[in-house]
Protein backbone atom coordinates (compact mmCIF):
# COMPACT_ATOMS: atom_id res chain seq x y z
CA MET A 1 85.97 101.82 43.43
CA ASP A 2 86.30 100.68 46.75
CA ASP A 3 84.77 97.12 48.38
CA ASN A 4 81.68 99.39 49.90
CA GLU A 5 80.93 101.06 47.06
CA ARG A 6 80.22 97.48 44.94
CA LYS A 7 78.64 96.18 47.66
CA SER A 8 75.99 99.44 47.94
CA MET A 9 75.61 98.85 43.61
CA SER A 10 75.00 95.47 43.84
CA ALA A 11 71.73 95.90 46.70
CA GLU A 12 70.66 98.84 44.82
CA ASP A 13 70.77 96.69 41.72
CA GLN A 14 68.64 93.69 43.64
CA SER A 15 66.43 96.07 44.84
CA ALA A 16 65.55 97.83 41.49
CA PRO A 17 62.29 96.27 39.84
CA SER A 18 63.64 94.24 36.60
CA GLU A 19 62.44 96.03 33.18
CA GLN A 20 63.21 93.10 31.47
CA SER A 21 60.36 92.04 29.37
CA ILE A 22 59.93 87.72 30.36
CA VAL A 23 60.78 85.76 27.08
CA ALA A 24 57.82 82.21 26.60
CA TYR A 25 59.01 79.09 25.04
CA ASP A 26 56.97 76.81 23.56
CA ARG A 27 56.72 73.24 25.16
CA GLY A 28 59.61 71.24 24.25
CA ALA A 29 60.45 73.36 20.96
CA ALA A 30 62.27 76.37 22.64
CA ILE A 31 60.63 78.63 20.54
CA GLU A 32 59.92 81.87 21.43
CA GLN A 33 56.79 83.27 20.91
CA SER A 34 55.94 86.80 19.89
CA ASP A 35 52.71 89.05 18.74
CA GLY A 36 51.74 88.25 15.21
CA PHE A 37 52.88 91.81 12.73
CA SER A 38 50.41 94.33 11.80
CA ASN A 39 49.33 93.89 7.72
CA PRO A 40 51.36 96.19 6.16
CA GLY A 41 48.56 96.20 3.20
CA LEU A 42 49.52 96.45 -0.39
CA PRO A 43 51.77 98.70 -1.94
CA PRO A 44 50.75 101.69 -3.80
CA HIS A 45 50.14 101.16 -7.06
CA ARG A 46 52.96 102.51 -10.45
CA PRO A 47 50.82 102.87 -13.41
CA ARG A 48 52.86 101.79 -15.93
CA GLN A 49 53.05 103.64 -19.28
CA THR A 50 50.34 102.53 -21.24
CA ASP A 51 48.24 103.48 -18.42
CA LEU A 52 48.99 107.14 -18.84
CA HIS A 53 49.83 107.36 -22.43
CA PRO A 54 46.83 106.28 -24.51
CA ALA A 55 49.37 106.60 -27.44
CA LYS A 56 52.09 103.86 -25.97
CA GLU A 57 48.70 101.66 -25.19
CA ARG A 58 47.61 101.38 -28.80
CA ARG A 59 51.35 100.42 -29.41
CA ALA A 60 51.44 97.55 -27.56
CA GLU A 61 48.45 96.46 -28.56
CA ARG A 62 49.47 96.60 -32.23
CA GLN A 63 52.66 94.42 -31.30
CA VAL A 64 50.56 91.84 -29.52
CA VAL A 65 48.55 91.18 -32.43
CA ALA A 66 52.03 91.54 -34.43
CA TRP A 67 53.21 88.49 -32.04
CA PHE A 68 50.00 86.64 -32.58
CA LEU A 69 50.33 87.53 -36.77
CA LEU A 70 53.71 86.01 -36.31
CA SER A 71 51.98 82.82 -34.52
CA MET A 72 49.97 82.27 -37.56
CA LEU A 73 52.89 82.45 -40.03
CA GLY A 74 55.01 80.21 -38.00
CA SER A 75 52.09 77.38 -38.40
CA VAL A 76 51.59 78.03 -41.99
CA LEU A 77 55.19 77.39 -42.71
CA ALA A 78 55.51 74.89 -40.60
CA ILE A 79 52.83 72.92 -43.02
CA VAL A 80 55.13 74.23 -45.90
CA ALA A 81 58.19 73.59 -44.86
CA TYR A 82 56.67 69.80 -44.02
CA ILE A 83 55.75 69.74 -47.23
CA ALA A 84 58.52 70.96 -49.14
CA VAL A 85 61.55 69.88 -47.91
CA PRO A 86 60.48 65.54 -48.20
CA ILE A 87 61.98 63.46 -46.08
CA GLU A 88 64.18 61.00 -48.95
CA PRO A 89 64.43 57.57 -47.93
CA GLY A 90 68.64 57.18 -47.27
CA ASN A 91 69.13 60.70 -47.10
CA MET A 92 70.25 61.81 -43.87
CA GLY A 93 70.76 65.61 -45.40
CA SER A 94 67.08 65.26 -46.16
CA VAL A 95 66.13 64.51 -42.80
CA ARG A 96 68.34 66.86 -41.19
CA ALA A 97 66.53 70.16 -43.90
CA ASN A 98 63.15 68.71 -42.66
CA ASN A 99 64.37 68.65 -39.11
CA LEU A 100 65.44 72.30 -39.07
CA PHE A 101 62.70 74.23 -41.20
CA LEU A 102 59.97 72.54 -39.60
CA GLY A 103 61.14 72.85 -35.99
CA LEU A 104 62.19 76.58 -36.70
CA ALA A 105 58.70 76.53 -38.17
CA ILE A 106 57.11 75.36 -35.21
CA ALA A 107 59.31 77.50 -32.83
CA LEU A 108 58.11 80.04 -34.42
CA ALA A 109 54.62 78.84 -33.76
CA LEU A 110 54.80 78.48 -30.30
CA LEU A 111 56.76 81.73 -29.39
CA GLY A 112 54.19 83.89 -31.38
CA VAL A 113 51.86 82.76 -29.02
CA GLY A 114 53.11 82.50 -25.63
CA ILE A 115 55.52 86.06 -26.18
CA GLY A 116 52.33 87.74 -27.50
CA GLY A 117 49.95 86.69 -24.33
CA MET A 118 52.82 88.02 -22.00
CA HIS A 119 52.92 91.14 -23.26
CA TRP A 120 49.01 91.30 -23.18
CA ALA A 121 49.51 89.75 -19.40
CA ARG A 122 52.31 92.99 -19.13
CA GLN A 123 51.00 95.74 -20.89
CA LEU A 124 47.60 95.59 -21.28
CA MET A 125 45.85 93.74 -18.51
CA SER A 126 45.04 95.48 -15.36
CA SER A 127 48.03 95.29 -13.51
CA HIS A 128 46.44 96.09 -9.86
CA GLU A 129 47.54 93.53 -6.81
CA VAL A 130 44.28 92.32 -5.31
CA VAL A 131 44.03 89.59 -2.13
CA GLU A 132 41.45 86.81 -2.63
CA GLU A 133 40.75 84.75 0.79
CA ARG A 134 40.74 81.40 0.22
CA HIS A 135 37.48 79.62 1.07
CA LEU A 136 35.81 75.93 0.54
CA SER A 137 35.87 74.17 -2.74
CA ARG A 138 32.52 74.60 -2.96
CA GLY A 139 30.86 77.79 -1.51
CA SER A 140 27.20 78.64 -1.48
CA GLU A 141 24.86 79.85 -4.37
CA LYS A 142 26.21 83.98 -3.00
CA SER A 143 29.92 82.73 -3.23
CA ARG A 144 28.84 81.13 -6.67
CA ALA A 145 27.35 84.54 -8.03
CA ARG A 146 30.55 85.92 -6.87
CA ALA A 147 32.77 84.07 -8.89
CA VAL A 148 31.12 84.69 -12.06
CA GLU A 149 30.98 88.63 -11.38
CA ILE A 150 34.50 87.68 -10.27
CA PHE A 151 35.02 86.11 -13.73
CA GLU A 152 33.11 89.09 -15.85
CA LEU A 153 35.39 91.91 -13.73
CA GLY A 154 38.89 89.47 -15.03
CA ASP A 155 36.72 89.97 -18.27
CA GLN A 156 36.53 93.85 -18.23
CA GLU A 157 40.19 94.34 -16.76
CA SER A 158 41.97 91.79 -19.21
CA GLY A 159 39.95 93.64 -22.01
CA PHE A 160 39.22 90.34 -24.02
CA SER A 161 35.89 91.55 -25.19
CA ARG A 162 36.91 95.08 -25.39
CA ARG A 163 39.83 94.55 -27.49
CA THR A 164 38.43 92.62 -30.43
CA LEU A 165 41.36 92.88 -32.43
CA ILE A 166 43.77 91.26 -29.68
CA ARG A 167 41.29 88.36 -29.39
CA ASN A 168 40.26 87.89 -32.89
CA THR A 169 43.93 87.42 -33.20
CA LEU A 170 44.60 85.26 -30.70
CA ILE A 171 41.78 82.58 -31.51
CA GLY A 172 43.04 82.63 -35.22
CA ALA A 173 46.57 81.93 -33.91
CA VAL A 174 45.44 79.32 -31.31
CA ALA A 175 43.53 77.53 -34.09
CA ILE A 176 46.11 77.14 -36.78
CA MET A 177 48.93 75.99 -34.03
CA PRO A 178 47.17 72.34 -34.36
CA LEU A 179 47.35 72.09 -38.38
CA PRO A 180 50.91 71.26 -38.58
CA ALA A 181 50.40 68.46 -36.33
CA ILE A 182 47.36 66.95 -38.18
CA VAL A 183 49.44 67.33 -41.14
CA LEU A 184 52.41 65.10 -39.41
CA PHE A 185 49.97 62.90 -37.76
CA ARG A 186 47.76 62.45 -41.00
CA ASP A 187 50.92 61.44 -42.89
CA LEU A 188 51.82 58.80 -40.91
CA ALA A 189 48.97 57.05 -41.72
CA PRO A 190 48.87 54.89 -45.13
CA ALA A 191 48.19 56.59 -48.43
CA ALA A 192 45.17 54.44 -48.53
CA ASP A 193 42.49 54.32 -46.67
CA ALA A 194 43.71 53.69 -43.16
CA VAL A 195 40.57 51.63 -41.79
CA ASP A 196 40.90 49.24 -44.08
CA SER A 197 44.63 48.51 -44.25
CA ILE A 198 44.86 48.42 -40.61
CA ALA A 199 42.10 45.79 -40.76
CA HIS A 200 43.48 42.75 -42.63
CA THR A 201 46.83 41.56 -42.29
CA MET A 202 48.85 39.17 -44.68
CA TRP A 203 46.71 35.78 -43.11
CA THR A 204 44.78 34.21 -46.46
CA GLU A 205 43.33 30.62 -47.01
CA GLY A 206 46.18 27.86 -47.05
CA GLU A 207 48.94 30.64 -46.10
CA ARG A 208 51.42 28.40 -43.93
CA LEU A 209 52.40 29.48 -40.64
CA ALA A 210 55.93 29.67 -40.28
CA LEU A 211 58.33 31.07 -37.54
CA ASP A 212 59.33 34.14 -36.46
CA PRO A 213 61.68 35.35 -37.66
CA THR A 214 63.50 32.49 -39.66
CA GLY A 215 59.97 31.98 -41.87
CA THR A 216 60.17 28.56 -41.24
CA PRO A 217 56.95 26.18 -41.96
CA ILE A 218 55.66 24.81 -38.88
CA ARG A 219 54.20 21.45 -38.98
CA ALA A 220 51.47 20.71 -36.39
CA ASP A 221 54.05 17.46 -34.85
CA ASP A 222 56.47 20.28 -33.81
CA VAL A 223 53.62 21.75 -31.59
CA THR A 224 53.91 20.52 -28.06
CA ILE A 225 51.46 20.56 -25.21
CA GLY A 226 52.85 23.65 -22.95
CA SER A 227 55.06 24.91 -25.62
CA ALA A 228 53.89 29.03 -27.52
CA PHE A 229 55.19 29.69 -30.88
CA HIS A 230 55.47 33.30 -32.15
CA VAL A 231 54.52 33.03 -35.92
CA ILE A 232 54.19 34.69 -38.91
CA PRO A 233 53.16 34.43 -42.26
CA GLU A 234 55.35 32.79 -44.66
CA SER A 235 55.13 34.83 -47.27
CA LEU A 236 56.75 37.75 -44.94
CA LYS A 237 59.92 36.70 -45.32
CA ASP A 238 59.63 37.49 -49.29
CA LEU A 239 58.39 40.99 -48.85
CA GLY A 240 61.29 43.60 -48.36
CA HIS A 241 61.52 46.44 -45.87
CA ASP A 242 60.90 48.99 -48.37
CA GLU A 243 57.73 47.45 -49.56
CA GLY A 244 55.79 47.30 -45.55
CA TYR A 245 57.75 44.27 -43.76
CA LEU A 246 57.75 45.85 -40.15
CA ASP A 247 53.92 47.19 -40.91
CA GLN A 248 52.56 43.87 -42.09
CA LYS A 249 54.83 41.60 -39.54
CA ALA A 250 53.09 44.16 -36.73
CA LEU A 251 49.60 43.24 -37.76
CA ALA A 252 50.01 39.41 -38.65
CA ALA A 253 52.38 38.50 -35.62
CA VAL A 254 50.51 35.15 -34.16
CA LEU A 255 50.90 33.42 -31.14
CA LEU A 256 50.64 29.99 -31.49
CA MET A 257 49.92 27.14 -28.79
CA ARG A 258 48.60 23.58 -27.98
CA LEU A 259 46.45 22.50 -25.49
CA PRO A 260 45.08 19.44 -23.99
CA VAL A 261 41.74 18.33 -26.41
CA ASP A 262 39.79 18.59 -23.03
CA ARG A 263 41.02 21.39 -21.94
CA LEU A 264 39.24 24.24 -25.18
CA LYS A 265 35.87 25.08 -24.65
CA GLU A 266 35.08 26.31 -28.29
CA ALA A 267 32.03 28.26 -28.45
CA PRO A 268 29.58 26.60 -31.06
CA GLY A 269 30.57 27.65 -34.74
CA ARG A 270 33.87 27.31 -33.81
CA GLU A 271 34.61 24.32 -33.46
CA GLY A 272 36.86 24.28 -36.35
CA TRP A 273 39.55 27.00 -35.90
CA SER A 274 41.19 24.77 -33.75
CA TYR A 275 43.40 22.11 -34.98
CA ASP A 276 44.14 18.83 -32.62
CA GLY A 277 44.11 21.10 -29.58
CA ILE A 278 46.17 23.81 -31.62
CA VAL A 279 45.28 27.62 -31.60
CA ALA A 280 46.45 30.84 -32.47
CA TYR A 281 45.52 34.39 -31.55
CA SER A 282 47.24 37.52 -32.13
CA LYS A 283 49.99 38.99 -30.76
CA ILE A 284 48.54 42.88 -30.88
CA CYS A 285 46.99 43.17 -27.09
CA THR A 286 43.56 44.53 -27.43
CA HIS A 287 44.31 47.79 -24.82
CA VAL A 288 46.71 49.92 -26.39
CA GLY A 289 48.57 47.19 -28.85
CA CYS A 290 51.53 46.22 -26.97
CA PRO A 291 53.00 42.45 -27.73
CA VAL A 292 51.28 40.02 -25.85
CA ALA A 293 54.52 37.50 -25.70
CA LEU A 294 53.96 36.34 -21.98
CA TYR A 295 52.59 32.39 -21.48
CA GLU A 296 51.44 30.66 -18.33
CA GLN A 297 51.58 26.79 -19.43
CA GLN A 298 50.04 26.26 -16.28
CA THR A 299 47.00 27.93 -16.16
CA HIS A 300 46.98 28.45 -20.22
CA HIS A 301 46.75 32.37 -20.08
CA LEU A 302 48.86 35.22 -22.24
CA LEU A 303 49.78 37.98 -20.50
CA CYS A 304 50.42 41.95 -21.77
CA PRO A 305 53.72 43.20 -19.81
CA CYS A 306 52.96 46.84 -20.49
CA HIS A 307 49.39 47.08 -18.38
CA GLN A 308 49.32 43.29 -17.18
CA SER A 309 46.04 42.61 -19.26
CA THR A 310 45.31 38.54 -19.09
CA PHE A 311 43.79 36.26 -21.71
CA ASP A 312 42.19 32.85 -20.91
CA VAL A 313 43.85 30.74 -24.02
CA THR A 314 41.03 27.87 -22.97
CA GLU A 315 38.25 29.67 -23.70
CA HIS A 316 38.88 31.99 -26.70
CA ALA A 317 41.34 34.15 -25.03
CA LYS A 318 38.89 36.31 -23.32
CA VAL A 319 39.76 38.54 -21.06
CA VAL A 320 40.32 37.49 -17.25
CA PHE A 321 42.28 40.64 -15.61
CA GLY A 322 43.49 44.38 -16.57
CA PRO A 323 42.57 47.04 -18.96
CA ALA A 324 41.71 45.03 -22.15
CA LYS A 325 37.78 45.01 -22.72
CA ARG A 326 37.88 42.36 -25.76
CA PRO A 327 39.91 38.87 -26.60
CA LEU A 328 42.33 38.26 -28.67
CA PRO A 329 41.07 38.08 -32.23
CA GLN A 330 41.88 34.17 -33.28
CA LEU A 331 43.12 33.36 -36.40
CA PRO A 332 41.19 29.94 -37.69
CA ILE A 333 43.89 27.13 -38.67
CA THR A 334 44.32 23.60 -40.50
CA VAL A 335 46.70 21.61 -41.33
CA ASP A 336 47.08 21.17 -45.41
CA ALA A 337 48.21 18.10 -47.48
CA GLU A 338 51.68 17.99 -45.82
CA GLY A 339 51.26 18.34 -42.23
CA TYR A 340 51.86 21.66 -42.36
CA LEU A 341 49.69 24.29 -40.23
CA ILE A 342 47.95 26.82 -42.49
CA ALA A 343 45.56 29.38 -41.97
CA GLN A 344 41.85 29.15 -43.36
CA ARG A 345 41.20 32.91 -43.86
CA ASP A 346 42.52 36.21 -42.35
CA PHE A 347 41.17 36.90 -38.97
CA THR A 348 37.52 37.50 -38.55
CA GLU A 349 37.76 40.70 -36.57
CA PRO A 350 40.67 43.82 -36.74
CA ILE A 351 43.33 43.39 -34.54
CA GLY A 352 44.61 45.61 -31.80
CA PRO A 353 42.71 48.24 -30.05
CA SER A 354 39.62 49.67 -30.94
CA PHE A 355 39.15 52.57 -33.50
CA TRP A 356 35.78 54.15 -34.42
CA GLU A 357 34.90 52.45 -37.66
CA ARG A 358 35.86 48.58 -35.99
CA LEU A 359 32.16 47.46 -36.12
CA ASN A 360 32.19 48.25 -39.91
CA HIS A 361 34.99 45.21 -40.13
CA ILE A 362 34.06 42.83 -38.07
CA ASP A 363 32.62 39.65 -40.29
CA PRO A 364 29.44 38.50 -38.72
CA ASP A 365 29.30 35.11 -39.81
CA HIS A 366 32.26 34.04 -38.96
CA VAL A 367 31.89 35.84 -35.49
CA PRO A 368 29.29 33.78 -34.05
CA VAL A 369 28.27 35.85 -31.18
CA SER A 370 25.10 38.34 -30.24
CA ALA A 371 24.90 42.01 -31.10
CA ALA A 372 25.20 42.96 -27.83
CA GLU A 373 28.55 41.16 -27.37
CA THR A 374 29.36 42.83 -31.18
CA GLU A 375 29.12 45.74 -30.18
CA THR A 376 31.17 44.81 -27.12
CA ARG A 377 33.86 43.45 -28.83
CA ALA A 378 34.13 46.55 -31.51
């Protein structure tokens, strides 16, 4: 091709109109703009075998029922395993056997409900794909009525009301499933009256206050202003671990502090609960039972490290900050003939967090507060 032909072709290219599309870019982003594509719609519905053959539908229904029945059996076996394979103190083999059989039974109960529900949804519930447009969280009365219709439609499609056998076995499996947990949690409580066990401690009249953990009795002269002692009953050291040592210590743990006498704001009827500015309060927080172990010498505040509940020691450990709703129970104290600090009696109310029967265990003769405040303390 010679130079004249090249010039001729170049001129033709310049004179011909351009057929290329103009590409627009978003400002600053250099993103090509394009028209939206049309909605392709939903794919055609493919019926399942259970939709086409009634016999296979009935077989799938029986399989779902079988899984729910298997779940019920697992729940019952969990209770049987917990009772039939007890944990023997000092025998690790019994611990492993108990955990093994209990875990297998609970796993069977959970798997039965899970697999049965999945099989029900995949084989028997409606498999038609639907599109639901998003809407505001609060709709009109018309839309709310429509929601009820959709709920009823879902019930019809799932067959929850129509397939009574599946529904009843599902309800039975779910109802029986919590029984192992109830048995396990109840066995954690004392065999005797659980409420009475946690409403009273080892503190009795004349019980000496002792240092934790040595069990050394404390003289009133040993408690200086600004100091804080972690205290247990002196007789606790004679209690073996297999006799409930840790449980009793958790109930009876006390914090002992000494304040200037003029800083104490004692309520009428409680003047004799302290001794020369020395006061004793339960170490168990009234929020969720954490140990209150932080003492501020300048403000005379006790702090719970778990959720920052703060108690004012100068006013019967009332709550000044945090989620706790009740003051720390106060232990009435005095000294014996040898100068050792002793308890006058047990706490006048249960220690720790609230529980339903708490009000019945508050001693109104030794807690001089109004009826409304008694309800609050409970």
